Amino acid sequence: MAPSCRVSQLDRVRAYYADCNTGDADAVARHFTDDAEHLFTRLPPLRGARAIADQTARAVEHAQATWEVEHGIEAGDEAVIEFLNCWTDLRSGERRTIRGTEWFRFAPDGRIAQVRAYYHREGLVTD
């Protein structure tokens, strides 16, 4: 039997975050199923790989957003991470940082089907 070429869920999340940091919407979209959803606690959900990817690209372009996986665990078809997100507040021009958690559910083909994000929206002002 040939070894599986499928990457682990955490490797998929790390690759997704690396692609987020490039601002390349096509690179981000490849990690998601066509009908994926990204749910937030205080924002409307994003539905579909293209909507998720385009929003990410806008965040990089306009707010110099970056993301980093700090810690993660996986089990079955799910993974959860702690993340660090930095961006420039478009109203004040201040650089801000938040930490939060994202819960991922994966499709049978290994792509991301759902993200549920939990974090404090305002973030801390950083230098």
C-alpha atoms as a PDB file:
ATOM      1  CA  MET A   1       0.000   0.000   0.000  1.00  0.00           C
ATOM      2  CA  ALA A   2       1.379   3.405  -0.995  1.00  0.00           C
ATOM      3  CA  PRO A   3       1.794   6.031   1.743  1.00  0.00           C
ATOM      4  CA  SER A   4      -0.883   8.701   1.888  1.00  0.00           C
ATOM      5  CA  CYS A   5      -0.034  12.040   0.274  1.00  0.00           C
ATOM      6  CA  ARG A   6      -2.684  13.880   2.248  1.00  0.00           C
ATOM      7  CA  VAL A   7      -1.304  16.528   4.577  1.00  0.00           C
ATOM      8  CA  SER A   8      -2.343  16.748   8.207  1.00  0.00           C
ATOM      9  CA  GLN A   9      -5.028  19.230   9.182  1.00  0.00           C
ATOM     10  CA  LEU A  10      -2.495  21.428  11.004  1.00  0.00           C
ATOM     11  CA  ASP A  11      -0.182  21.388   7.987  1.00  0.00           C
ATOM     12  CA  ARG A  12      -3.151  22.540   5.872  1.00  0.00           C
ATOM     13  CA  VAL A  13      -3.888  25.362   8.343  1.00  0.00           C
ATOM     14  CA  ARG A  14      -0.235  26.441   8.410  1.00  0.00           C
ATOM     15  CA  ALA A  15      -0.144  26.462   4.586  1.00  0.00           C
ATOM     16  CA  TYR A  16      -3.409  28.443   4.522  1.00  0.00           C
ATOM     17  CA  TYR A  17      -1.968  31.042   6.935  1.00  0.00           C
ATOM     18  CA  ALA A  18       1.252  31.256   4.887  1.00  0.00           C
ATOM     19  CA  ASP A  19      -0.842  31.923   1.775  1.00  0.00           C
ATOM     20  CA  CYS A  20      -2.939  34.489   3.653  1.00  0.00           C
ATOM     21  CA  ASN A  21       0.239  36.450   4.342  1.00  0.00           C
ATOM     22  CA  THR A  22       1.006  36.686   0.602  1.00  0.00           C
ATOM     23  CA  GLY A  23      -2.290  38.440  -0.183  1.00  0.00           C
ATOM     24  CA  ASP A  24      -2.757  36.064  -3.140  1.00  0.00           C
ATOM     25  CA  ALA A  25      -6.490  35.307  -3.288  1.00  0.00           C
ATOM     26  CA  ASP A  26      -6.050  32.298  -5.598  1.00  0.00           C
ATOM     27  CA  ALA A  27      -3.506  30.757  -3.222  1.00  0.00           C
ATOM     28  CA  VAL A  28      -5.873  31.257  -0.272  1.00  0.00           C
ATOM     29  CA  ALA A  29      -8.928  29.911  -2.123  1.00  0.00           C
ATOM     30  CA  ARG A  30      -7.229  26.587  -2.909  1.00  0.00           C
ATOM     31  CA  HIS A  31      -7.421  25.611   0.777  1.00  0.00           C
ATOM     32  CA  PHE A  32     -11.242  25.779   0.887  1.00  0.00           C
ATOM     33  CA  THR A  33     -14.168  23.851  -0.484  1.00  0.00           C
ATOM     34  CA  ASP A  34     -16.292  25.887  -2.907  1.00  0.00           C
ATOM     35  CA  ASP A  35     -19.091  26.125  -0.318  1.00  0.00           C
ATOM     36  CA  ALA A  36     -16.851  26.741   2.719  1.00  0.00           C
ATOM     37  CA  GLU A  37     -17.915  29.195   5.389  1.00  0.00           C
ATOM     38  CA  HIS A  38     -15.896  31.409   7.707  1.00  0.00           C
ATOM     39  CA  LEU A  39     -17.908  32.384  10.782  1.00  0.00           C
ATOM     40  CA  PHE A  40     -17.089  35.239  13.150  1.00  0.00           C
ATOM     41  CA  THR A  41     -18.473  36.303  16.529  1.00  0.00           C
ATOM     42  CA  ARG A  42     -19.078  39.964  15.604  1.00  0.00           C
ATOM     43  CA  LEU A  43     -19.017  40.092  11.797  1.00  0.00           C
ATOM     44  CA  PRO A  44     -21.229  38.622   9.079  1.00  0.00           C
ATOM     45  CA  PRO A  45     -20.084  35.204   7.829  1.00  0.00           C
ATOM     46  CA  LEU A  46     -18.097  34.789   4.636  1.00  0.00           C
ATOM     47  CA  ARG A  47     -19.509  32.076   2.381  1.00  0.00           C
ATOM     48  CA  GLY A  48     -17.543  30.375  -0.368  1.00  0.00           C
ATOM     49  CA  ALA A  49     -13.831  29.929  -1.057  1.00  0.00           C
ATOM     50  CA  ARG A  50     -13.699  33.003  -3.298  1.00  0.00           C
ATOM     51  CA  ALA A  51     -15.363  35.323  -0.735  1.00  0.00           C
ATOM     52  CA  ILE A  52     -12.993  34.144   2.009  1.00  0.00           C
ATOM     53  CA  ALA A  53      -9.952  34.538  -0.241  1.00  0.00           C
ATOM     54  CA  ASP A  54     -10.950  37.968  -1.569  1.00  0.00           C
ATOM     55  CA  GLN A  55     -11.537  39.324   1.945  1.00  0.00           C
ATOM     56  CA  THR A  56      -8.124  38.051   3.008  1.00  0.00           C
ATOM     57  CA  ALA A  57      -6.444  39.696   0.012  1.00  0.00           C
ATOM     58  CA  ARG A  58      -8.169  43.014   0.825  1.00  0.00           C
ATOM     59  CA  ALA A  59      -6.980  42.812   4.447  1.00  0.00           C
ATOM     60  CA  VAL A  60      -3.379  42.358   3.305  1.00  0.00           C
ATOM     61  CA  GLU A  61      -3.602  45.082   0.670  1.00  0.00           C
ATOM     62  CA  HIS A  62      -5.366  47.755   2.715  1.00  0.00           C
ATOM     63  CA  ALA A  63      -4.440  46.953   6.333  1.00  0.00           C
ATOM     64  CA  GLN A  64      -1.107  45.145   5.942  1.00  0.00           C
ATOM     65  CA  ALA A  65      -2.645  42.209   7.810  1.00  0.00           C
ATOM     66  CA  THR A  66      -0.503  39.252   8.847  1.00  0.00           C
ATOM     67  CA  TRP A  67      -1.371  35.986  10.573  1.00  0.00           C
ATOM     68  CA  GLU A  68       0.654  33.477  12.562  1.00  0.00           C
ATOM     69  CA  VAL A  69      -0.256  30.057  13.967  1.00  0.00           C
ATOM     70  CA  GLU A  70       1.000  29.905  17.538  1.00  0.00           C
ATOM     71  CA  HIS A  71      -0.312  26.519  18.658  1.00  0.00           C
ATOM     72  CA  GLY A  72      -2.662  23.859  17.348  1.00  0.00           C
ATOM     73  CA  ILE A  73      -4.230  20.467  17.926  1.00  0.00           C
ATOM     74  CA  GLU A  74      -6.147  18.190  15.595  1.00  0.00           C
ATOM     75  CA  ALA A  75      -8.487  15.237  15.951  1.00  0.00           C
ATOM     76  CA  GLY A  76     -10.554  13.470  13.314  1.00  0.00           C
ATOM     77  CA  ASP A  77     -11.851  15.958  10.771  1.00  0.00           C
ATOM     78  CA  GLU A  78     -11.232  18.986  13.016  1.00  0.00           C
ATOM     79  CA  ALA A  79      -8.371  21.184  14.164  1.00  0.00           C
ATOM     80  CA  VAL A  80      -8.131  24.192  16.452  1.00  0.00           C
ATOM     81  CA  ILE A  81      -5.395  26.805  16.604  1.00  0.00           C
ATOM     82  CA  GLU A  82      -4.345  29.798  18.648  1.00  0.00           C
ATOM     83  CA  PHE A  83      -3.360  32.603  16.310  1.00  0.00           C
ATOM     84  CA  LEU A  84      -1.752  36.034  16.270  1.00  0.00           C
ATOM     85  CA  ASN A  85      -3.131  38.621  13.818  1.00  0.00           C
ATOM     86  CA  CYS A  86      -1.581  42.055  13.237  1.00  0.00           C
ATOM     87  CA  TRP A  87      -3.019  44.831  11.076  1.00  0.00           C
ATOM     88  CA  THR A  88      -3.117  48.588  10.631  1.00  0.00           C
ATOM     89  CA  ASP A  89      -6.322  50.218  11.875  1.00  0.00           C
ATOM     90  CA  LEU A  90      -7.646  52.124   8.861  1.00  0.00           C
ATOM     91  CA  ARG A  91      -9.311  54.782  11.055  1.00  0.00           C
ATOM     92  CA  SER A  92      -6.401  55.637  13.343  1.00  0.00           C
ATOM     93  CA  GLY A  93      -3.376  54.345  11.440  1.00  0.00           C
ATOM     94  CA  GLU A  94      -2.297  52.451  14.582  1.00  0.00           C
ATOM     95  CA  ARG A  95      -0.843  48.981  14.302  1.00  0.00           C
ATOM     96  CA  ARG A  96      -2.971  46.488  16.249  1.00  0.00           C
ATOM     97  CA  THR A  97      -2.541  42.905  17.421  1.00  0.00           C
ATOM     98  CA  ILE A  98      -5.060  40.296  18.485  1.00  0.00           C
ATOM     99  CA  ARG A  99      -4.794  36.741  19.681  1.00  0.00           C
ATOM    100  CA  GLY A 100      -7.630  34.347  19.192  1.00  0.00           C
ATOM    101  CA  THR A 101      -8.663  30.861  18.288  1.00  0.00           C
ATOM    102  CA  GLU A 102     -10.036  29.333  15.118  1.00  0.00           C
ATOM    103  CA  TRP A 103     -11.813  26.018  14.873  1.00  0.00           C
ATOM    104  CA  PHE A 104     -11.569  24.231  11.515  1.00  0.00           C
ATOM    105  CA  ARG A 105     -13.704  21.451  10.023  1.00  0.00           C
ATOM    106  CA  PHE A 106     -12.283  19.625   7.008  1.00  0.00           C
ATOM    107  CA  ALA A 107     -13.935  17.987   4.008  1.00  0.00           C
ATOM    108  CA  PRO A 108     -13.052  14.378   3.128  1.00  0.00           C
ATOM    109  CA  ASP A 109     -10.592  15.652   0.478  1.00  0.00           C
ATOM    110  CA  GLY A 110      -8.632  17.569   3.169  1.00  0.00           C
ATOM    111  CA  ARG A 111      -9.732  21.083   2.212  1.00  0.00           C
ATOM    112  CA  ILE A 112     -11.226  23.425   4.805  1.00  0.00           C
ATOM    113  CA  ALA A 113     -15.047  23.334   4.919  1.00  0.00           C
ATOM    114  CA  GLN A 114     -15.643  25.640   7.882  1.00  0.00           C
ATOM    115  CA  VAL A 115     -13.753  28.087  10.105  1.00  0.00           C
ATOM    116  CA  ARG A 116     -15.206  29.423  13.353  1.00  0.00           C
ATOM    117  CA  ALA A 117     -13.155  32.375  14.626  1.00  0.00           C
ATOM    118  CA  TYR A 118     -13.188  33.662  18.206  1.00  0.00           C
ATOM    119  CA  TYR A 119     -11.256  36.783  19.227  1.00  0.00           C
ATOM    120  CA  HIS A 120     -11.591  40.262  20.698  1.00  0.00           C
ATOM    121  CA  ARG A 121     -12.221  42.525  17.731  1.00  0.00           C
ATOM    122  CA  GLU A 122     -10.419  45.721  18.735  1.00  0.00           C
ATOM    123  CA  GLY A 123      -6.990  44.316  19.488  1.00  0.00           C
ATOM    124  CA  LEU A 124      -4.136  45.920  21.381  1.00  0.00           C
ATOM    125  CA  VAL A 125      -2.210  48.874  19.992  1.00  0.00           C
ATOM    126  CA  THR A 126       1.355  47.794  19.203  1.00  0.00           C
ATOM    127  CA  ASP A 127       4.424  49.658  18.012  1.00  0.00           C
END
